[in-house]
């Protein structure tokens, strides 16, 4: 299990194309020990409509301490749908490689402010 908190900066690149970068820190709860980690995730999003955006990103994650094998790269594709001006639902599929390897499906609700 992981607890993670982060922030995302997003800017318009061209017409309907936006670039973003997310930075986050977290805590991983493992069977034998807990440890902190950080992640950096640049990405691109393209607006198909005013409410629907498709996105892609790459995330690099690593533990703060060298003694924990938690270095990974995740490549994701997904979509966001704006429910209101400040609320959206999101979904993606990702492939993680590195110290651990797996495919994930993620979903959530986000708030913009």
C-alpha atoms as a PDB file:
ATOM      1  CA  UNK A   1       0.000   0.000   0.000  1.00  0.00           C
ATOM      2  CA  UNK A   2       1.131   3.578  -0.666  1.00  0.00           C
ATOM      3  CA  UNK A   3       0.135   7.031   0.540  1.00  0.00           C
ATOM      4  CA  UNK A   4       1.152   9.785  -1.866  1.00  0.00           C
ATOM      5  CA  UNK A   5       0.642  13.526  -2.207  1.00  0.00           C
ATOM      6  CA  UNK A   6       1.704  15.738  -5.084  1.00  0.00           C
ATOM      7  CA  UNK A   7       1.026  18.756  -7.249  1.00  0.00           C
ATOM      8  CA  UNK A   8       0.711  19.190 -11.004  1.00  0.00           C
ATOM      9  CA  UNK A   9       1.640  22.209 -13.114  1.00  0.00           C
ATOM     10  CA  UNK A  10      -0.016  22.428 -16.538  1.00  0.00           C
ATOM     11  CA  UNK A  11       0.460  24.886 -19.412  1.00  0.00           C
ATOM     12  CA  UNK A  12      -0.919  25.350 -22.917  1.00  0.00           C
ATOM     13  CA  UNK A  13       1.586  24.391 -25.631  1.00  0.00           C
ATOM     14  CA  UNK A  14      -0.478  24.838 -28.770  1.00  0.00           C
ATOM     15  CA  UNK A  15      -4.208  25.161 -29.485  1.00  0.00           C
ATOM     16  CA  UNK A  16      -5.641  22.030 -27.796  1.00  0.00           C
ATOM     17  CA  UNK A  17      -2.308  20.542 -26.629  1.00  0.00           C
ATOM     18  CA  UNK A  18      -1.195  20.941 -23.004  1.00  0.00           C
ATOM     19  CA  UNK A  19       1.993  19.875 -21.227  1.00  0.00           C
ATOM     20  CA  UNK A  20       2.214  19.061 -17.537  1.00  0.00           C
ATOM     21  CA  UNK A  21       4.644  17.957 -14.876  1.00  0.00           C
ATOM     22  CA  UNK A  22       3.683  16.334 -11.575  1.00  0.00           C
ATOM     23  CA  UNK A  23       5.934  16.003  -8.565  1.00  0.00           C
ATOM     24  CA  UNK A  24       5.001  13.879  -5.576  1.00  0.00           C
ATOM     25  CA  UNK A  25       6.320  12.236  -2.428  1.00  0.00           C
ATOM     26  CA  UNK A  26       4.942   9.226  -0.648  1.00  0.00           C
ATOM     27  CA  UNK A  27       5.320   6.416   1.820  1.00  0.00           C
ATOM     28  CA  UNK A  28       5.293   2.735   0.840  1.00  0.00           C
ATOM     29  CA  UNK A  29       4.088   0.274   3.459  1.00  0.00           C
ATOM     30  CA  UNK A  30       5.915  -3.014   2.892  1.00  0.00           C
ATOM     31  CA  UNK A  31       5.759  -6.254   4.883  1.00  0.00           C
ATOM     32  CA  UNK A  32       9.147  -5.752   6.524  1.00  0.00           C
ATOM     33  CA  UNK A  33       9.587  -1.954   6.525  1.00  0.00           C
ATOM     34  CA  UNK A  34       8.085   1.356   5.457  1.00  0.00           C
ATOM     35  CA  UNK A  35      10.029   3.887   3.391  1.00  0.00           C
ATOM     36  CA  UNK A  36       9.638   7.182   1.573  1.00  0.00           C
ATOM     37  CA  UNK A  37       9.900   7.785  -2.156  1.00  0.00           C
ATOM     38  CA  UNK A  38       9.549  10.538  -4.745  1.00  0.00           C
ATOM     39  CA  UNK A  39       8.108  10.620  -8.252  1.00  0.00           C
ATOM     40  CA  UNK A  40       8.320  12.954 -11.252  1.00  0.00           C
ATOM     41  CA  UNK A  41       5.809  12.640 -14.107  1.00  0.00           C
ATOM     42  CA  UNK A  42       5.866  14.791 -17.268  1.00  0.00           C
ATOM     43  CA  UNK A  43       2.942  14.386 -19.656  1.00  0.00           C
ATOM     44  CA  UNK A  44       0.906  15.642 -22.598  1.00  0.00           C
ATOM     45  CA  UNK A  45      -2.866  16.030 -22.988  1.00  0.00           C
ATOM     46  CA  UNK A  46      -4.936  16.751 -26.088  1.00  0.00           C
ATOM     47  CA  UNK A  47      -8.487  18.149 -25.885  1.00  0.00           C
ATOM     48  CA  UNK A  48     -10.858  16.225 -28.143  1.00  0.00           C
ATOM     49  CA  UNK A  49     -13.760  18.350 -26.859  1.00  0.00           C
ATOM     50  CA  UNK A  50     -13.980  21.021 -24.173  1.00  0.00           C
ATOM     51  CA  UNK A  51     -14.721  18.281 -21.612  1.00  0.00           C
ATOM     52  CA  UNK A  52     -12.810  15.219 -22.937  1.00  0.00           C
ATOM     53  CA  UNK A  53      -9.021  15.023 -22.986  1.00  0.00           C
ATOM     54  CA  UNK A  54      -6.734  12.127 -23.925  1.00  0.00           C
ATOM     55  CA  UNK A  55      -3.377  12.001 -22.197  1.00  0.00           C
ATOM     56  CA  UNK A  56      -0.050  10.224 -22.061  1.00  0.00           C
ATOM     57  CA  UNK A  57       2.741  10.398 -19.504  1.00  0.00           C
ATOM     58  CA  UNK A  58       5.936   8.837 -18.190  1.00  0.00           C
ATOM     59  CA  UNK A  59       6.595   8.542 -14.438  1.00  0.00           C
ATOM     60  CA  UNK A  60       9.963   8.005 -12.763  1.00  0.00           C
ATOM     61  CA  UNK A  61       9.789   6.831  -9.139  1.00  0.00           C
ATOM     62  CA  UNK A  62      12.584   5.990  -6.690  1.00  0.00           C
ATOM     63  CA  UNK A  63      13.035   5.483  -2.946  1.00  0.00           C
ATOM     64  CA  UNK A  64      14.841   8.176  -0.954  1.00  0.00           C
ATOM     65  CA  UNK A  65      17.099   5.535   0.666  1.00  0.00           C
ATOM     66  CA  UNK A  66      19.378   3.401  -1.509  1.00  0.00           C
ATOM     67  CA  UNK A  67      18.568   0.261   0.487  1.00  0.00           C
ATOM     68  CA  UNK A  68      15.063  -0.072  -0.996  1.00  0.00           C
ATOM     69  CA  UNK A  69      14.453  -1.435  -4.497  1.00  0.00           C
ATOM     70  CA  UNK A  70      11.688   0.887  -5.680  1.00  0.00           C
ATOM     71  CA  UNK A  71      13.118   2.464  -8.852  1.00  0.00           C
ATOM     72  CA  UNK A  72      10.638   2.237 -11.706  1.00  0.00           C
ATOM     73  CA  UNK A  73       9.407   3.801 -14.943  1.00  0.00           C
ATOM     74  CA  UNK A  74       5.694   3.846 -15.774  1.00  0.00           C
ATOM     75  CA  UNK A  75       4.285   4.640 -19.210  1.00  0.00           C
ATOM     76  CA  UNK A  76       0.578   5.595 -19.173  1.00  0.00           C
ATOM     77  CA  UNK A  77      -2.236   6.475 -21.579  1.00  0.00           C
ATOM     78  CA  UNK A  78      -5.676   7.584 -20.492  1.00  0.00           C
ATOM     79  CA  UNK A  79      -8.426  10.182 -20.534  1.00  0.00           C
ATOM     80  CA  UNK A  80      -9.973  12.876 -18.341  1.00  0.00           C
ATOM     81  CA  UNK A  81     -13.600  13.996 -18.493  1.00  0.00           C
ATOM     82  CA  UNK A  82     -14.634  17.303 -16.929  1.00  0.00           C
ATOM     83  CA  UNK A  83     -17.780  16.889 -14.828  1.00  0.00           C
ATOM     84  CA  UNK A  84     -17.733  20.597 -13.902  1.00  0.00           C
ATOM     85  CA  UNK A  85     -15.312  23.534 -14.078  1.00  0.00           C
ATOM     86  CA  UNK A  86     -13.334  22.248 -11.078  1.00  0.00           C
ATOM     87  CA  UNK A  87     -14.074  18.493 -10.998  1.00  0.00           C
ATOM     88  CA  UNK A  88     -13.066  15.704 -13.373  1.00  0.00           C
ATOM     89  CA  UNK A  89     -13.006  11.922 -13.582  1.00  0.00           C
ATOM     90  CA  UNK A  90      -9.885  10.228 -14.859  1.00  0.00           C
ATOM     91  CA  UNK A  91      -8.805   6.796 -16.040  1.00  0.00           C
ATOM     92  CA  UNK A  92      -5.619   5.291 -17.426  1.00  0.00           C
ATOM     93  CA  UNK A  93      -3.742   2.110 -18.161  1.00  0.00           C
ATOM     94  CA  UNK A  94      -0.050   1.899 -17.406  1.00  0.00           C
ATOM     95  CA  UNK A  95       2.929  -0.400 -17.791  1.00  0.00           C
ATOM     96  CA  UNK A  96       5.589  -0.276 -15.057  1.00  0.00           C
ATOM     97  CA  UNK A  97       9.133  -1.575 -15.536  1.00  0.00           C
ATOM     98  CA  UNK A  98      12.176  -1.526 -13.283  1.00  0.00           C
ATOM     99  CA  UNK A  99      12.554  -3.041  -9.819  1.00  0.00           C
ATOM    100  CA  UNK A 100       8.931  -4.175 -10.135  1.00  0.00           C
ATOM    101  CA  UNK A 101       7.008  -4.955 -13.331  1.00  0.00           C
ATOM    102  CA  UNK A 102       3.252  -4.878 -13.764  1.00  0.00           C
ATOM    103  CA  UNK A 103       0.360  -3.471 -15.774  1.00  0.00           C
ATOM    104  CA  UNK A 104      -2.161  -1.281 -13.945  1.00  0.00           C
ATOM    105  CA  UNK A 105      -5.584   0.236 -14.524  1.00  0.00           C
ATOM    106  CA  UNK A 106      -6.268   3.408 -12.559  1.00  0.00           C
ATOM    107  CA  UNK A 107      -9.293   5.604 -12.043  1.00  0.00           C
ATOM    108  CA  UNK A 108     -10.191   8.510  -9.873  1.00  0.00           C
ATOM    109  CA  UNK A 109     -11.812  11.868  -9.282  1.00  0.00           C
ATOM    110  CA  UNK A 110      -9.806  15.075  -9.373  1.00  0.00           C
ATOM    111  CA  UNK A 111     -10.305  18.642  -8.196  1.00  0.00           C
ATOM    112  CA  UNK A 112      -8.758  21.696  -9.866  1.00  0.00           C
ATOM    113  CA  UNK A 113      -8.233  24.943  -7.985  1.00  0.00           C
END
